[in-house]
C-alpha atoms as a PDB file:
ATOM      1  CA  UNK A   1      -5.205  -1.691  12.511  1.00  0.00           C
ATOM      2  CA  UNK A   2      -5.652  -3.697   9.347  1.00  0.00           C
ATOM      3  CA  UNK A   3      -5.764  -2.295   5.839  1.00  0.00           C
ATOM      4  CA  UNK A   4      -7.546  -3.974   2.937  1.00  0.00           C
ATOM      5  CA  UNK A   5      -5.335  -3.801  -0.147  1.00  0.00           C
ATOM      6  CA  UNK A   6      -7.008  -4.318  -3.507  1.00  0.00           C
ATOM      7  CA  UNK A   7      -4.565  -4.951  -6.363  1.00  0.00           C
ATOM      8  CA  UNK A   8      -5.603  -4.217  -9.952  1.00  0.00           C
ATOM      9  CA  UNK A   9      -4.076  -4.275 -13.401  1.00  0.00           C
ATOM     10  CA  UNK A  10      -4.494  -0.905 -15.068  1.00  0.00           C
ATOM     11  CA  UNK A  11      -4.262  -0.243 -18.789  1.00  0.00           C
ATOM     12  CA  UNK A  12      -0.525   0.506 -18.366  1.00  0.00           C
ATOM     13  CA  UNK A  13       0.618  -0.832 -14.971  1.00  0.00           C
ATOM     14  CA  UNK A  14      -0.529  -2.341 -11.664  1.00  0.00           C
ATOM     15  CA  UNK A  15      -2.217  -0.247  -8.972  1.00  0.00           C
ATOM     16  CA  UNK A  16      -3.198  -0.802  -5.340  1.00  0.00           C
ATOM     17  CA  UNK A  17      -6.258   0.667  -3.663  1.00  0.00           C
ATOM     18  CA  UNK A  18      -5.794   0.705   0.130  1.00  0.00           C
ATOM     19  CA  UNK A  19      -8.788   0.968   2.466  1.00  0.00           C
ATOM     20  CA  UNK A  20      -8.489   1.599   6.210  1.00  0.00           C
ATOM     21  CA  UNK A  21     -10.883   0.642   9.018  1.00  0.00           C
ATOM     22  CA  UNK A  22     -12.613  -2.109   7.041  1.00  0.00           C
ATOM     23  CA  UNK A  23     -14.607  -5.144   8.074  1.00  0.00           C
ATOM     24  CA  UNK A  24     -12.000  -7.832   8.758  1.00  0.00           C
ATOM     25  CA  UNK A  25     -14.386 -10.721   8.048  1.00  0.00           C
ATOM     26  CA  UNK A  26     -15.069 -10.202   4.347  1.00  0.00           C
ATOM     27  CA  UNK A  27     -15.199 -13.345   2.238  1.00  0.00           C
ATOM     28  CA  UNK A  28     -13.826 -13.968  -1.234  1.00  0.00           C
ATOM     29  CA  UNK A  29     -17.160 -13.493  -3.028  1.00  0.00           C
ATOM     30  CA  UNK A  30     -17.898 -10.178  -1.290  1.00  0.00           C
ATOM     31  CA  UNK A  31     -14.473  -8.714  -2.032  1.00  0.00           C
ATOM     32  CA  UNK A  32     -14.525  -9.913  -5.655  1.00  0.00           C
ATOM     33  CA  UNK A  33     -17.968  -8.377  -6.166  1.00  0.00           C
ATOM     34  CA  UNK A  34     -16.834  -5.044  -4.701  1.00  0.00           C
ATOM     35  CA  UNK A  35     -13.676  -5.071  -6.814  1.00  0.00           C
ATOM     36  CA  UNK A  36     -15.730  -5.717  -9.937  1.00  0.00           C
ATOM     37  CA  UNK A  37     -18.039  -2.816  -9.090  1.00  0.00           C
ATOM     38  CA  UNK A  38     -14.997  -0.537  -8.759  1.00  0.00           C
ATOM     39  CA  UNK A  39     -13.708  -1.859 -12.087  1.00  0.00           C
ATOM     40  CA  UNK A  40     -17.036  -1.248 -13.833  1.00  0.00           C
ATOM     41  CA  UNK A  41     -17.215   2.328 -12.521  1.00  0.00           C
ATOM     42  CA  UNK A  42     -13.863   3.176 -14.187  1.00  0.00           C
ATOM     43  CA  UNK A  43     -13.727   6.364 -12.118  1.00  0.00           C
ATOM     44  CA  UNK A  44      -9.978   6.696 -11.655  1.00  0.00           C
ATOM     45  CA  UNK A  45      -8.120   7.763 -14.784  1.00  0.00           C
ATOM     46  CA  UNK A  46      -4.941   9.762 -15.207  1.00  0.00           C
ATOM     47  CA  UNK A  47      -2.620  10.429 -18.140  1.00  0.00           C
ATOM     48  CA  UNK A  48      -4.739   8.291 -20.494  1.00  0.00           C
ATOM     49  CA  UNK A  49      -4.658   5.303 -18.141  1.00  0.00           C
ATOM     50  CA  UNK A  50      -7.607   3.631 -16.461  1.00  0.00           C
ATOM     51  CA  UNK A  51      -6.339   2.465 -13.064  1.00  0.00           C
ATOM     52  CA  UNK A  52      -8.682  -0.373 -12.077  1.00  0.00           C
ATOM     53  CA  UNK A  53      -9.209  -2.556 -15.160  1.00  0.00           C
ATOM     54  CA  UNK A  54      -8.731  -6.127 -13.890  1.00  0.00           C
ATOM     55  CA  UNK A  55      -8.857  -7.287 -10.247  1.00  0.00           C
ATOM     56  CA  UNK A  56      -5.687  -9.232  -9.400  1.00  0.00           C
ATOM     57  CA  UNK A  57      -5.664  -9.831  -5.644  1.00  0.00           C
ATOM     58  CA  UNK A  58      -6.920  -8.699  -2.257  1.00  0.00           C
ATOM     59  CA  UNK A  59      -5.382  -9.025   1.179  1.00  0.00           C
ATOM     60  CA  UNK A  60      -5.395  -7.631   4.663  1.00  0.00           C
ATOM     61  CA  UNK A  61      -2.188  -5.948   5.792  1.00  0.00           C
ATOM     62  CA  UNK A  62      -1.507  -5.288   9.444  1.00  0.00           C
ATOM     63  CA  UNK A  63       0.995  -2.674  10.563  1.00  0.00           C
ATOM     64  CA  UNK A  64       2.513  -3.001  13.995  1.00  0.00           C
ATOM     65  CA  UNK A  65       3.905   0.224  15.412  1.00  0.00           C
ATOM     66  CA  UNK A  66       6.492  -0.115  18.165  1.00  0.00           C
ATOM     67  CA  UNK A  67       7.123   3.296  19.730  1.00  0.00           C
ATOM     68  CA  UNK A  68      10.627   4.268  20.788  1.00  0.00           C
ATOM     69  CA  UNK A  69       9.532   7.596  22.272  1.00  0.00           C
ATOM     70  CA  UNK A  70       6.597   9.971  21.911  1.00  0.00           C
ATOM     71  CA  UNK A  71       6.947  13.588  22.967  1.00  0.00           C
ATOM     72  CA  UNK A  72       3.745  14.796  21.324  1.00  0.00           C
ATOM     73  CA  UNK A  73       2.008  15.310  24.672  1.00  0.00           C
ATOM     74  CA  UNK A  74       4.919  17.044  26.418  1.00  0.00           C
ATOM     75  CA  UNK A  75       4.218  20.663  27.290  1.00  0.00           C
ATOM     76  CA  UNK A  76       6.910  23.191  27.957  1.00  0.00           C
ATOM     77  CA  UNK A  77       6.484  25.043  31.240  1.00  0.00           C
ATOM     78  CA  UNK A  78       7.345  28.720  31.249  1.00  0.00           C
END
């Protein structure tokens, strides 16, 4: 599964917005436009800081999980 990570400069520090289950074929213009819409909305604020002030970068991150064991489906017989 890939995650789209959108990196922004906030009014105090940098923040990352991570989105799961996204279209993996988004182009630069589409992602920039979406990031600018998020910026313009200025919805996320905490402790006198606006989180998404200036778009910095965007990338897909893929996590590969290699199981060692998984006992979640094991039932105990009585």
